[in-house]
Amino acid sequence: MGILDSVIGMLGDKTSGSSSSNALVEQIGAMIASSGSGGGLGGLMQSFDRAGLGHVISSWVGTGQNLPISPDQLKQVLGQGKIAQIAGSLGLQPDQVAGQLSQLLPHLVDRITPNGKLPESDIAHTDIAGALAGILGQSKTS
């Protein structure tokens, strides 16, 4: 089962407050939600810059077309440790996580930056869960 399948299953039951759903939102949210200096979406953008891929995440924030990212590029940005941590929490293999996140993150970042710029206020985990639900709603109808 991939991350998108996990998200579909878990967010379908998000009102029950299941711990697995909360764990998934926490994992993704920790990468994107604003959490002080050096963290959140700004910190993620810095990680992309350091990996020489700042133009990729900037395309996700901007209003134009989103550039793709490969699983290997995402591993380079996030690091093997972060990928392994997420994989372990979901009971998946790291390569599965990198592959699914490479598909999910561009849409998620694009969705939480609808005006083509970083939000001025903190991004809440509930905003991320809502954005994930919106992405999944689009993918089910496509």
Protein backbone atom coordinates (compact mmCIF):
# COMPACT_ATOMS: atom_id res chain seq x y z
CA MET A 1 0.00 0.00 0.00
CA GLY A 2 1.40 3.40 -0.97
CA ILE A 3 1.21 6.71 0.88
CA LEU A 4 -1.62 7.94 -1.33
CA ASP A 5 -3.58 4.78 -0.53
CA SER A 6 -2.80 5.27 3.16
CA VAL A 7 -3.90 8.89 3.00
CA ILE A 8 -7.13 7.95 1.24
CA GLY A 9 -7.91 5.32 3.85
CA MET A 10 -6.89 7.37 6.83
CA LEU A 11 -8.39 10.68 5.83
CA GLY A 12 -11.61 8.94 4.92
CA ASP A 13 -11.90 8.27 8.65
CA LYS A 14 -10.34 11.52 9.89
CA THR A 15 -13.34 12.48 12.02
CA SER A 16 -12.83 9.45 14.24
CA GLY A 17 -9.46 10.80 15.38
CA SER A 18 -7.66 7.51 14.72
CA SER A 19 -4.06 7.48 15.88
CA SER A 20 -2.79 6.20 12.50
CA SER A 21 -4.46 9.10 10.71
CA ASN A 22 -3.00 11.54 13.19
CA ALA A 23 0.46 10.00 12.76
CA LEU A 24 0.35 10.45 9.00
CA VAL A 25 -0.81 14.05 9.21
CA GLU A 26 1.90 14.68 11.81
CA GLN A 27 4.61 13.25 9.54
CA ILE A 28 3.62 15.35 6.55
CA GLY A 29 2.71 18.32 8.69
CA ALA A 30 6.08 18.34 10.42
CA MET A 31 7.72 18.96 7.06
CA ILE A 32 5.41 21.78 6.07
CA ALA A 33 3.74 23.38 9.08
CA SER A 34 5.49 26.46 10.38
CA SER A 35 7.43 25.55 13.48
CA GLY A 36 9.79 28.38 14.31
CA SER A 37 13.07 29.27 12.70
CA GLY A 38 14.49 26.80 10.23
CA GLY A 39 11.38 24.64 10.09
CA GLY A 40 8.18 24.45 8.19
CA LEU A 41 7.72 25.28 4.55
CA GLY A 42 10.49 27.90 4.67
CA GLY A 43 12.89 25.31 6.05
CA LEU A 44 11.81 22.82 3.42
CA MET A 45 12.50 25.43 0.75
CA GLN A 46 15.98 25.95 2.21
CA SER A 47 16.60 22.20 2.04
CA PHE A 48 15.65 22.25 -1.63
CA ASP A 49 17.97 25.24 -2.20
CA ARG A 50 20.89 23.45 -0.50
CA ALA A 51 20.29 20.43 -2.75
CA GLY A 52 20.34 22.66 -5.84
CA LEU A 53 16.60 22.16 -6.39
CA GLY A 54 15.23 25.49 -5.21
CA HIS A 55 13.69 26.11 -8.63
CA VAL A 56 11.60 22.93 -8.24
CA ILE A 57 9.91 23.86 -4.97
CA SER A 58 9.59 27.46 -6.14
CA SER A 59 7.51 26.18 -9.05
CA TRP A 60 5.18 24.47 -6.55
CA VAL A 61 4.76 27.70 -4.58
CA GLY A 62 4.39 29.83 -7.71
CA THR A 63 1.26 30.08 -9.80
CA GLY A 64 2.67 28.37 -12.90
CA GLN A 65 3.07 24.71 -13.69
CA ASN A 66 4.61 22.48 -11.00
CA LEU A 67 7.95 20.96 -11.94
CA PRO A 68 8.24 17.25 -11.14
CA ILE A 69 10.64 15.79 -8.61
CA SER A 70 12.01 12.27 -8.79
CA PRO A 71 12.13 9.97 -5.76
CA ASP A 72 15.95 10.13 -5.83
CA GLN A 73 15.89 13.94 -5.86
CA LEU A 74 13.48 13.92 -2.92
CA LYS A 75 15.80 11.57 -1.01
CA GLN A 76 18.62 14.05 -1.71
CA VAL A 77 16.53 16.91 -0.28
CA LEU A 78 15.00 15.20 2.75
CA GLY A 79 17.78 12.74 3.48
CA GLN A 80 17.62 8.98 3.88
CA GLY A 81 16.98 9.32 7.63
CA LYS A 82 13.80 11.36 7.21
CA ILE A 83 12.50 9.05 4.48
CA ALA A 84 13.23 6.00 6.67
CA GLN A 85 11.50 7.65 9.66
CA ILE A 86 8.33 8.30 7.65
CA ALA A 87 8.47 4.81 6.15
CA GLY A 88 8.81 3.22 9.57
CA SER A 89 5.86 5.13 10.96
CA LEU A 90 3.69 3.98 8.04
CA GLY A 91 4.99 0.41 7.79
CA LEU A 92 6.30 1.00 4.25
CA GLN A 93 9.64 0.67 2.49
CA PRO A 94 11.69 3.87 2.08
CA ASP A 95 11.59 3.63 -1.72
CA GLN A 96 7.77 3.48 -1.60
CA VAL A 97 7.67 6.56 0.60
CA ALA A 98 10.04 8.54 -1.63
CA GLY A 99 8.05 7.58 -4.72
CA GLN A 100 4.69 8.49 -3.25
CA LEU A 101 5.94 11.69 -1.59
CA SER A 102 7.46 12.79 -4.90
CA GLN A 103 3.92 12.66 -6.30
CA LEU A 104 2.15 14.14 -3.26
CA LEU A 105 4.39 17.03 -2.13
CA PRO A 106 4.18 19.15 -5.30
CA HIS A 107 0.38 19.14 -5.12
CA LEU A 108 0.32 19.73 -1.37
CA VAL A 109 2.74 22.67 -1.44
CA ASP A 110 0.88 24.12 -4.43
CA ARG A 111 -2.43 23.82 -2.59
CA ILE A 112 -1.25 25.52 0.62
CA THR A 113 0.31 28.41 -1.35
CA PRO A 114 -2.61 29.39 -3.62
CA ASN A 115 -1.43 32.98 -4.05
CA GLY A 116 2.00 31.99 -5.27
CA LYS A 117 3.84 32.92 -2.09
CA LEU A 118 4.56 31.54 1.36
CA PRO A 119 1.75 32.10 3.86
CA GLU A 120 2.38 34.99 6.23
CA SER A 121 0.94 33.10 9.20
CA ASP A 122 1.68 29.62 10.49
CA ILE A 123 0.32 26.66 8.57
CA ALA A 124 -1.73 24.49 10.90
CA HIS A 125 -1.81 20.71 10.70
CA THR A 126 -5.55 20.99 10.09
CA ASP A 127 -4.83 23.11 7.01
CA ILE A 128 -2.50 20.40 5.75
CA ALA A 129 -5.09 17.69 6.41
CA GLY A 130 -7.65 19.78 4.54
CA ALA A 131 -5.27 20.25 1.62
CA LEU A 132 -4.56 16.51 1.53
CA ALA A 133 -8.28 15.79 1.54
CA GLY A 134 -8.76 18.25 -1.33
CA ILE A 135 -5.98 16.62 -3.37
CA LEU A 136 -7.46 13.21 -2.80
CA GLY A 137 -10.93 14.44 -3.72
CA GLN A 138 -9.52 15.66 -7.05
CA SER A 139 -7.67 12.41 -7.71
CA LYS A 140 -10.76 10.31 -7.05
CA THR A 141 -12.81 12.33 -9.55
CA SER A 142 -10.08 12.44 -12.23
